[in-house]
Amino acid sequence: MVEEKIKQAVDVLSKCNYVIALSGAGISTESGIPDFRSPVSGLWSNADPEDFTIERFRVYPQALYQVGADLFQIITGAQPNEAHKALGELENKGLIKTVITQNIDALHQKGDSRNVLEIHGSLNGASCIHCSHEEPMEKILQDVQEAIIPPRCIECGEPMKPNVILFGEAMPPAFQLALNESRKADGMLVVGSSLVVSPANMLPDYVDNLVIVNRESTPLDDSAQVVVHGSLSDIMPYLKDEWISRQAS
């Protein structure tokens, strides 16, 4: 049944001229990074979302590091799984033009994707909220391990904020680029996104041909041409091989 669904997905994608991918937390859970909404293991089961708002950070920046330090360590140490690598190869073959991701873990780049739009920012470093001085995340986490919480800017002494979009912040320029790509595309492959987070969940509305690969159902399943449920690390290599083989024949 799953194999037949994958072939149907490739049927749809192969007929498109400009395919983009949209990924969410589900693609990285198989790399050991917890998602946000799963019962028990999800981040919001063990943390207060208020600590991840820009308003809270401005008043009490310690909270973000006290709550998020362990997660930041997990994310920066994670490695790409077979689903990330499959997307990287599909991009290198020219079958996927752009990877738009809601994730902050840089695993697409580690998986050999090059044209990646990180619409929620990236945990690659941190910036001073006052003077915008930047430091790599390794330096920030070292400060946290040495009980320097929050890490302070070496230029002006103000708190350093990870280069991720906190609740209450405006979307970064990458989101406008993602919107432009969605308007240009005639096909979208959604991989591991619940499609419940706004405004990322509006991007599929601009694309005629939608294929969703996810463990669970999403609100847009009824709008998709094909939906494949299951392990992304199992499905994506099969889909990749089938698509590349189809193009070669």
C-alpha atoms as a PDB file:
ATOM      1  CA  MET A   1       0.000   0.000   0.000  1.00  0.00           C
ATOM      2  CA  VAL A   2       2.760   2.477   0.947  1.00  0.00           C
ATOM      3  CA  GLU A   3       4.811   1.573  -2.123  1.00  0.00           C
ATOM      4  CA  GLU A   4       1.812   2.205  -4.349  1.00  0.00           C
ATOM      5  CA  LYS A   5       1.235   5.582  -2.676  1.00  0.00           C
ATOM      6  CA  ILE A   6       4.879   6.521  -3.246  1.00  0.00           C
ATOM      7  CA  LYS A   7       4.564   5.669  -6.941  1.00  0.00           C
ATOM      8  CA  GLN A   8       1.433   7.808  -7.129  1.00  0.00           C
ATOM      9  CA  ALA A   9       3.338  10.648  -5.476  1.00  0.00           C
ATOM     10  CA  VAL A  10       6.110  10.361  -8.037  1.00  0.00           C
ATOM     11  CA  ASP A  11       3.485  10.350 -10.816  1.00  0.00           C
ATOM     12  CA  VAL A  12       2.315  13.756  -9.594  1.00  0.00           C
ATOM     13  CA  LEU A  13       5.754  15.250  -8.980  1.00  0.00           C
ATOM     14  CA  SER A  14       7.205  14.014 -12.278  1.00  0.00           C
ATOM     15  CA  LYS A  15       4.643  16.017 -14.225  1.00  0.00           C
ATOM     16  CA  CYS A  16       5.624  19.274 -12.516  1.00  0.00           C
ATOM     17  CA  ASN A  17       8.176  21.722 -13.871  1.00  0.00           C
ATOM     18  CA  TYR A  18       9.134  23.463 -10.617  1.00  0.00           C
ATOM     19  CA  VAL A  19       8.916  21.446  -7.399  1.00  0.00           C
ATOM     20  CA  ILE A  20       9.780  22.771  -3.968  1.00  0.00           C
ATOM     21  CA  ALA A  21       9.807  21.039  -0.589  1.00  0.00           C
ATOM     22  CA  LEU A  22       8.407  22.191   2.744  1.00  0.00           C
ATOM     23  CA  SER A  23       9.707  20.420   5.847  1.00  0.00           C
ATOM     24  CA  GLY A  24       8.661  20.501   9.478  1.00  0.00           C
ATOM     25  CA  ALA A  25       9.648  19.019  12.815  1.00  0.00           C
ATOM     26  CA  GLY A  26       8.631  15.505  11.769  1.00  0.00           C
ATOM     27  CA  ILE A  27      11.601  15.132   9.454  1.00  0.00           C
ATOM     28  CA  SER A  28      14.016  15.700  12.336  1.00  0.00           C
ATOM     29  CA  THR A  29      12.426  13.542  15.034  1.00  0.00           C
ATOM     30  CA  GLU A  30      14.162  10.538  13.490  1.00  0.00           C
ATOM     31  CA  SER A  31      17.453  12.380  14.091  1.00  0.00           C
ATOM     32  CA  GLY A  32      16.625  12.520  17.798  1.00  0.00           C
ATOM     33  CA  ILE A  33      15.216  16.048  17.921  1.00  0.00           C
ATOM     34  CA  PRO A  34      11.871  16.240  19.753  1.00  0.00           C
ATOM     35  CA  ASP A  35       8.961  17.931  18.034  1.00  0.00           C
ATOM     36  CA  PHE A  36       6.696  20.426  19.735  1.00  0.00           C
ATOM     37  CA  ARG A  37       3.271  18.859  20.034  1.00  0.00           C
ATOM     38  CA  SER A  38       3.645  15.121  20.597  1.00  0.00           C
ATOM     39  CA  PRO A  39       2.232  13.949  23.949  1.00  0.00           C
ATOM     40  CA  VAL A  40       4.917  13.300  26.597  1.00  0.00           C
ATOM     41  CA  SER A  41       7.915  13.725  24.266  1.00  0.00           C
ATOM     42  CA  GLY A  42       6.896  17.017  22.646  1.00  0.00           C
ATOM     43  CA  LEU A  43       8.596  20.208  23.766  1.00  0.00           C
ATOM     44  CA  TRP A  44       5.357  21.804  24.942  1.00  0.00           C
ATOM     45  CA  SER A  45       4.724  18.850  27.249  1.00  0.00           C
ATOM     46  CA  ASN A  46       7.856  19.758  29.169  1.00  0.00           C
ATOM     47  CA  ALA A  47       8.224  23.513  28.730  1.00  0.00           C
ATOM     48  CA  ASP A  48       6.148  26.675  28.900  1.00  0.00           C
ATOM     49  CA  PRO A  49       5.755  28.273  25.434  1.00  0.00           C
ATOM     50  CA  GLU A  50       5.816  31.655  27.196  1.00  0.00           C
ATOM     51  CA  ASP A  51       9.553  31.170  27.787  1.00  0.00           C
ATOM     52  CA  PHE A  52       9.996  31.132  24.002  1.00  0.00           C
ATOM     53  CA  THR A  53       8.431  34.564  23.395  1.00  0.00           C
ATOM     54  CA  ILE A  54      10.390  37.695  22.532  1.00  0.00           C
ATOM     55  CA  GLU A  55       8.565  39.589  25.283  1.00  0.00           C
ATOM     56  CA  ARG A  56       9.748  37.114  27.926  1.00  0.00           C
ATOM     57  CA  PHE A  57      13.290  37.189  26.525  1.00  0.00           C
ATOM     58  CA  ARG A  58      13.483  40.977  26.782  1.00  0.00           C
ATOM     59  CA  VAL A  59      12.379  40.914  30.421  1.00  0.00           C
ATOM     60  CA  TYR A  60      14.018  37.686  31.618  1.00  0.00           C
ATOM     61  CA  PRO A  61      16.450  36.284  29.002  1.00  0.00           C
ATOM     62  CA  GLN A  62      17.696  33.654  31.452  1.00  0.00           C
ATOM     63  CA  ALA A  63      14.485  31.630  31.003  1.00  0.00           C
ATOM     64  CA  LEU A  64      15.162  30.754  27.367  1.00  0.00           C
ATOM     65  CA  TYR A  65      18.551  29.264  28.222  1.00  0.00           C
ATOM     66  CA  GLN A  66      17.407  27.591  31.432  1.00  0.00           C
ATOM     67  CA  VAL A  67      14.588  25.836  29.601  1.00  0.00           C
ATOM     68  CA  GLY A  68      16.204  25.398  26.192  1.00  0.00           C
ATOM     69  CA  ALA A  69      19.884  24.645  26.900  1.00  0.00           C
ATOM     70  CA  ASP A  70      19.506  20.849  26.766  1.00  0.00           C
ATOM     71  CA  LEU A  71      17.431  21.083  23.583  1.00  0.00           C
ATOM     72  CA  PHE A  72      20.003  23.399  21.991  1.00  0.00           C
ATOM     73  CA  GLN A  73      22.712  20.830  22.739  1.00  0.00           C
ATOM     74  CA  ILE A  74      20.647  18.063  21.159  1.00  0.00           C
ATOM     75  CA  ILE A  75      19.922  20.115  18.048  1.00  0.00           C
ATOM     76  CA  THR A  76      23.491  21.254  17.435  1.00  0.00           C
ATOM     77  CA  GLY A  77      24.777  17.689  17.857  1.00  0.00           C
ATOM     78  CA  ALA A  78      22.176  16.012  15.639  1.00  0.00           C
ATOM     79  CA  GLN A  79      22.983  14.402  12.300  1.00  0.00           C
ATOM     80  CA  PRO A  80      20.831  14.240   9.162  1.00  0.00           C
ATOM     81  CA  ASN A  81      18.779  11.109   8.594  1.00  0.00           C
ATOM     82  CA  GLU A  82      17.865   9.357   5.353  1.00  0.00           C
ATOM     83  CA  ALA A  83      14.973  11.730   4.686  1.00  0.00           C
ATOM     84  CA  HIS A  84      17.259  14.786   4.819  1.00  0.00           C
ATOM     85  CA  LYS A  85      19.771  13.040   2.569  1.00  0.00           C
ATOM     86  CA  ALA A  86      17.068  12.082   0.079  1.00  0.00           C
ATOM     87  CA  LEU A  87      15.960  15.703  -0.242  1.00  0.00           C
ATOM     88  CA  GLY A  88      19.582  16.745  -0.678  1.00  0.00           C
ATOM     89  CA  GLU A  89      20.056  14.288  -3.539  1.00  0.00           C
ATOM     90  CA  LEU A  90      16.785  15.310  -5.173  1.00  0.00           C
ATOM     91  CA  GLU A  91      17.932  18.925  -5.103  1.00  0.00           C
ATOM     92  CA  ASN A  92      21.342  18.023  -6.507  1.00  0.00           C
ATOM     93  CA  LYS A  93      19.590  16.169  -9.341  1.00  0.00           C
ATOM     94  CA  GLY A  94      17.553  19.301 -10.074  1.00  0.00           C
ATOM     95  CA  LEU A  95      14.228  17.678  -9.211  1.00  0.00           C
ATOM     96  CA  ILE A  96      13.648  19.905  -6.181  1.00  0.00           C
ATOM     97  CA  LYS A  97      14.517  23.559  -6.585  1.00  0.00           C
ATOM     98  CA  THR A  98      14.262  24.809  -2.998  1.00  0.00           C
ATOM     99  CA  VAL A  99      13.804  23.379   0.478  1.00  0.00           C
ATOM    100  CA  ILE A 100      11.697  25.586   2.729  1.00  0.00           C
ATOM    101  CA  THR A 101      12.001  24.500   6.346  1.00  0.00           C
ATOM    102  CA  GLN A 102      10.268  25.356   9.586  1.00  0.00           C
ATOM    103  CA  ASN A 103      13.185  23.734  11.437  1.00  0.00           C
ATOM    104  CA  ILE A 104      16.124  25.500  13.063  1.00  0.00           C
ATOM    105  CA  ASP A 105      18.529  22.548  13.098  1.00  0.00           C
ATOM    106  CA  ALA A 106      20.463  23.030   9.809  1.00  0.00           C
ATOM    107  CA  LEU A 107      20.093  19.300   9.100  1.00  0.00           C
ATOM    108  CA  HIS A 108      19.092  19.979   5.502  1.00  0.00           C
ATOM    109  CA  GLN A 109      22.438  21.659   4.881  1.00  0.00           C
ATOM    110  CA  LYS A 110      24.200  18.756   6.593  1.00  0.00           C
ATOM    111  CA  GLY A 111      22.193  16.447   4.335  1.00  0.00           C
ATOM    112  CA  ASP A 112      23.586  18.184   1.231  1.00  0.00           C
ATOM    113  CA  SER A 113      20.747  20.572   0.422  1.00  0.00           C
ATOM    114  CA  ARG A 114      22.062  23.910  -0.792  1.00  0.00           C
ATOM    115  CA  ASN A 115      19.087  26.143  -1.498  1.00  0.00           C
ATOM    116  CA  VAL A 116      17.460  26.155   1.950  1.00  0.00           C
ATOM    117  CA  LEU A 117      15.094  28.821   3.265  1.00  0.00           C
ATOM    118  CA  GLU A 118      14.923  28.723   7.077  1.00  0.00           C
ATOM    119  CA  ILE A 119      11.699  30.573   7.769  1.00  0.00           C
ATOM    120  CA  HIS A 120      11.986  30.208  11.563  1.00  0.00           C
ATOM    121  CA  GLY A 121      15.676  31.092  11.717  1.00  0.00           C
ATOM    122  CA  SER A 122      18.570  28.835  12.620  1.00  0.00           C
ATOM    123  CA  LEU A 123      20.399  27.697  15.725  1.00  0.00           C
ATOM    124  CA  ASN A 124      23.715  28.302  13.974  1.00  0.00           C
ATOM    125  CA  GLY A 125      24.538  31.208  16.277  1.00  0.00           C
ATOM    126  CA  ALA A 126      23.257  34.071  18.374  1.00  0.00           C
ATOM    127  CA  SER A 127      23.068  37.836  18.027  1.00  0.00           C
ATOM    128  CA  CYS A 128      23.150  40.673  20.523  1.00  0.00           C
ATOM    129  CA  ILE A 129      19.713  42.220  20.966  1.00  0.00           C
ATOM    130  CA  HIS A 130      21.347  45.659  21.218  1.00  0.00           C
ATOM    131  CA  CYS A 131      24.239  45.903  18.740  1.00  0.00           C
ATOM    132  CA  SER A 132      23.655  42.758  16.599  1.00  0.00           C
ATOM    133  CA  HIS A 133      27.127  41.350  17.283  1.00  0.00           C
ATOM    134  CA  GLU A 134      27.107  37.640  16.397  1.00  0.00           C
ATOM    135  CA  GLU A 135      28.731  34.584  17.942  1.00  0.00           C
ATOM    136  CA  PRO A 136      28.642  30.903  16.881  1.00  0.00           C
ATOM    137  CA  MET A 137      26.332  28.665  18.884  1.00  0.00           C
ATOM    138  CA  GLU A 138      29.297  26.653  20.163  1.00  0.00           C
ATOM    139  CA  LYS A 139      30.512  29.745  22.023  1.00  0.00           C
ATOM    140  CA  ILE A 140      27.028  30.453  23.394  1.00  0.00           C
ATOM    141  CA  LEU A 141      26.582  26.908  24.677  1.00  0.00           C
ATOM    142  CA  GLN A 142      30.028  26.984  26.241  1.00  0.00           C
ATOM    143  CA  ASP A 143      28.990  30.088  28.178  1.00  0.00           C
ATOM    144  CA  VAL A 144      25.814  28.323  29.321  1.00  0.00           C
ATOM    145  CA  GLN A 145      27.845  25.329  30.497  1.00  0.00           C
ATOM    146  CA  GLU A 146      30.005  27.737  32.498  1.00  0.00           C
ATOM    147  CA  ALA A 147      26.829  29.149  34.119  1.00  0.00           C
ATOM    148  CA  ILE A 148      26.967  32.429  32.189  1.00  0.00           C
ATOM    149  CA  ILE A 149      23.211  32.738  31.765  1.00  0.00           C
ATOM    150  CA  PRO A 150      22.270  34.536  29.664  1.00  0.00           C
ATOM    151  CA  PRO A 151      25.422  34.721  27.526  1.00  0.00           C
ATOM    152  CA  ARG A 152      26.453  38.335  27.162  1.00  0.00           C
ATOM    153  CA  CYS A 153      27.688  40.316  24.159  1.00  0.00           C
ATOM    154  CA  ILE A 154      31.457  40.879  24.296  1.00  0.00           C
ATOM    155  CA  GLU A 155      30.925  44.279  22.637  1.00  0.00           C
ATOM    156  CA  CYS A 156      28.207  45.872  24.773  1.00  0.00           C
ATOM    157  CA  GLY A 157      27.265  43.399  27.504  1.00  0.00           C
ATOM    158  CA  GLU A 158      23.646  42.928  26.452  1.00  0.00           C
ATOM    159  CA  PRO A 159      22.057  39.435  26.210  1.00  0.00           C
ATOM    160  CA  MET A 160      22.729  37.266  23.184  1.00  0.00           C
ATOM    161  CA  LYS A 161      19.623  35.784  21.528  1.00  0.00           C
ATOM    162  CA  PRO A 162      19.785  32.623  19.387  1.00  0.00           C
ATOM    163  CA  ASN A 163      19.190  33.349  15.705  1.00  0.00           C
ATOM    164  CA  VAL A 164      15.744  31.773  15.810  1.00  0.00           C
ATOM    165  CA  ILE A 165      12.343  33.401  15.526  1.00  0.00           C
ATOM    166  CA  LEU A 166      10.711  33.565  18.937  1.00  0.00           C
ATOM    167  CA  PHE A 167       6.961  33.879  19.346  1.00  0.00           C
ATOM    168  CA  GLY A 168       6.008  37.522  18.834  1.00  0.00           C
ATOM    169  CA  GLU A 169       8.816  38.299  16.402  1.00  0.00           C
ATOM    170  CA  ALA A 170       8.302  39.192  12.761  1.00  0.00           C
ATOM    171  CA  MET A 171       9.053  36.543  10.178  1.00  0.00           C
ATOM    172  CA  PRO A 172      12.534  36.853   8.645  1.00  0.00           C
ATOM    173  CA  PRO A 173      13.247  37.822   5.004  1.00  0.00           C
ATOM    174  CA  ALA A 174      13.482  34.096   4.218  1.00  0.00           C
ATOM    175  CA  PHE A 175       9.712  33.868   4.554  1.00  0.00           C
ATOM    176  CA  GLN A 176       9.128  36.350   1.723  1.00  0.00           C
ATOM    177  CA  LEU A 177      11.534  34.329  -0.407  1.00  0.00           C
ATOM    178  CA  ALA A 178       9.579  31.180   0.527  1.00  0.00           C
ATOM    179  CA  LEU A 179       6.352  32.898  -0.489  1.00  0.00           C
ATOM    180  CA  ASN A 180       7.906  33.858  -3.821  1.00  0.00           C
ATOM    181  CA  GLU A 181       9.061  30.270  -4.386  1.00  0.00           C
ATOM    182  CA  SER A 182       5.599  28.928  -3.558  1.00  0.00           C
ATOM    183  CA  ARG A 183       3.991  31.265  -6.076  1.00  0.00           C
ATOM    184  CA  LYS A 184       6.507  30.165  -8.709  1.00  0.00           C
ATOM    185  CA  ALA A 185       6.161  26.422  -8.065  1.00  0.00           C
ATOM    186  CA  ASP A 186       3.666  24.064  -9.648  1.00  0.00           C
ATOM    187  CA  GLY A 187       4.490  21.239  -7.222  1.00  0.00           C
ATOM    188  CA  MET A 188       5.192  20.991  -3.491  1.00  0.00           C
ATOM    189  CA  LEU A 189       6.449  18.020  -1.496  1.00  0.00           C
ATOM    190  CA  VAL A 190       5.612  18.448   2.195  1.00  0.00           C
ATOM    191  CA  VAL A 191       7.842  16.312   4.419  1.00  0.00           C
ATOM    192  CA  GLY A 192       7.214  15.995   8.147  1.00  0.00           C
ATOM    193  CA  SER A 193       5.084  19.072   8.709  1.00  0.00           C
ATOM    194  CA  SER A 194       1.856  19.018  10.700  1.00  0.00           C
ATOM    195  CA  LEU A 195       0.716  22.020   8.631  1.00  0.00           C
ATOM    196  CA  VAL A 196      -0.901  23.655  11.640  1.00  0.00           C
ATOM    197  CA  VAL A 197       1.645  26.432  12.239  1.00  0.00           C
ATOM    198  CA  SER A 198       0.904  29.780  10.641  1.00  0.00           C
ATOM    199  CA  PRO A 199       2.056  31.357   8.398  1.00  0.00           C
ATOM    200  CA  ALA A 200       4.025  28.363   7.034  1.00  0.00           C
ATOM    201  CA  ASN A 201       0.801  26.403   6.553  1.00  0.00           C
ATOM    202  CA  MET A 202      -0.423  28.958   4.006  1.00  0.00           C
ATOM    203  CA  LEU A 203       2.402  28.194   1.555  1.00  0.00           C
ATOM    204  CA  PRO A 204       0.787  25.055   0.055  1.00  0.00           C
ATOM    205  CA  ASP A 205      -2.240  27.170  -0.908  1.00  0.00           C
ATOM    206  CA  TYR A 206      -0.181  28.739  -3.699  1.00  0.00           C
ATOM    207  CA  VAL A 207       0.785  25.428  -5.328  1.00  0.00           C
ATOM    208  CA  ASP A 208      -1.451  23.360  -7.625  1.00  0.00           C
ATOM    209  CA  ASN A 209       0.079  19.928  -7.015  1.00  0.00           C
ATOM    210  CA  LEU A 210       0.571  18.939  -3.393  1.00  0.00           C
ATOM    211  CA  VAL A 211       2.149  15.729  -2.077  1.00  0.00           C
ATOM    212  CA  ILE A 212       2.311  15.178   1.698  1.00  0.00           C
ATOM    213  CA  VAL A 213       4.629  12.710   3.416  1.00  0.00           C
ATOM    214  CA  ASN A 214       4.037  12.613   7.170  1.00  0.00           C
ATOM    215  CA  ARG A 215       3.534  10.175  10.027  1.00  0.00           C
ATOM    216  CA  GLU A 216       0.180  11.670  11.010  1.00  0.00           C
ATOM    217  CA  SER A 217      -2.741  13.240   9.203  1.00  0.00           C
ATOM    218  CA  THR A 218      -2.657  16.972   8.505  1.00  0.00           C
ATOM    219  CA  PRO A 219      -5.429  19.546   7.953  1.00  0.00           C
ATOM    220  CA  LEU A 220      -4.466  19.703   4.256  1.00  0.00           C
ATOM    221  CA  ASP A 221      -4.631  15.970   3.502  1.00  0.00           C
ATOM    222  CA  ASP A 222      -7.922  16.406   1.668  1.00  0.00           C
ATOM    223  CA  SER A 223      -6.357  19.099  -0.523  1.00  0.00           C
ATOM    224  CA  ALA A 224      -3.360  16.979  -1.532  1.00  0.00           C
ATOM    225  CA  GLN A 225      -3.124  14.862  -4.681  1.00  0.00           C
ATOM    226  CA  VAL A 226      -1.311  12.145  -2.712  1.00  0.00           C
ATOM    227  CA  VAL A 227      -0.709  11.574   1.019  1.00  0.00           C
ATOM    228  CA  VAL A 228       1.803   9.002   2.266  1.00  0.00           C
ATOM    229  CA  HIS A 229       1.850   8.077   5.966  1.00  0.00           C
ATOM    230  CA  GLY A 230       4.764   6.340   7.649  1.00  0.00           C
ATOM    231  CA  SER A 231       8.402   6.667   8.640  1.00  0.00           C
ATOM    232  CA  LEU A 232      10.039   9.443   6.657  1.00  0.00           C
ATOM    233  CA  SER A 233      13.441   7.740   6.765  1.00  0.00           C
ATOM    234  CA  ASP A 234      11.837   4.742   5.040  1.00  0.00           C
ATOM    235  CA  ILE A 235       9.581   6.584   2.604  1.00  0.00           C
ATOM    236  CA  MET A 236      11.866   9.344   1.327  1.00  0.00           C
ATOM    237  CA  PRO A 237      14.744   7.161   0.019  1.00  0.00           C
ATOM    238  CA  TYR A 238      12.203   5.015  -1.847  1.00  0.00           C
ATOM    239  CA  LEU A 239      10.489   8.099  -3.260  1.00  0.00           C
ATOM    240  CA  LYS A 240      13.862   9.577  -4.224  1.00  0.00           C
ATOM    241  CA  ASP A 241      14.997   6.431  -6.040  1.00  0.00           C
ATOM    242  CA  GLU A 242      11.673   6.059  -7.836  1.00  0.00           C
ATOM    243  CA  TRP A 243      11.669   9.705  -8.943  1.00  0.00           C
ATOM    244  CA  ILE A 244      15.263   9.664 -10.184  1.00  0.00           C
ATOM    245  CA  SER A 245      14.680   6.371 -11.976  1.00  0.00           C
ATOM    246  CA  ARG A 246      11.547   7.773 -13.605  1.00  0.00           C
ATOM    247  CA  GLN A 247      13.475  10.811 -14.888  1.00  0.00           C
ATOM    248  CA  ALA A 248      16.224   8.616 -16.317  1.00  0.00           C
ATOM    249  CA  SER A 249      13.882   6.357 -18.243  1.00  0.00           C
END
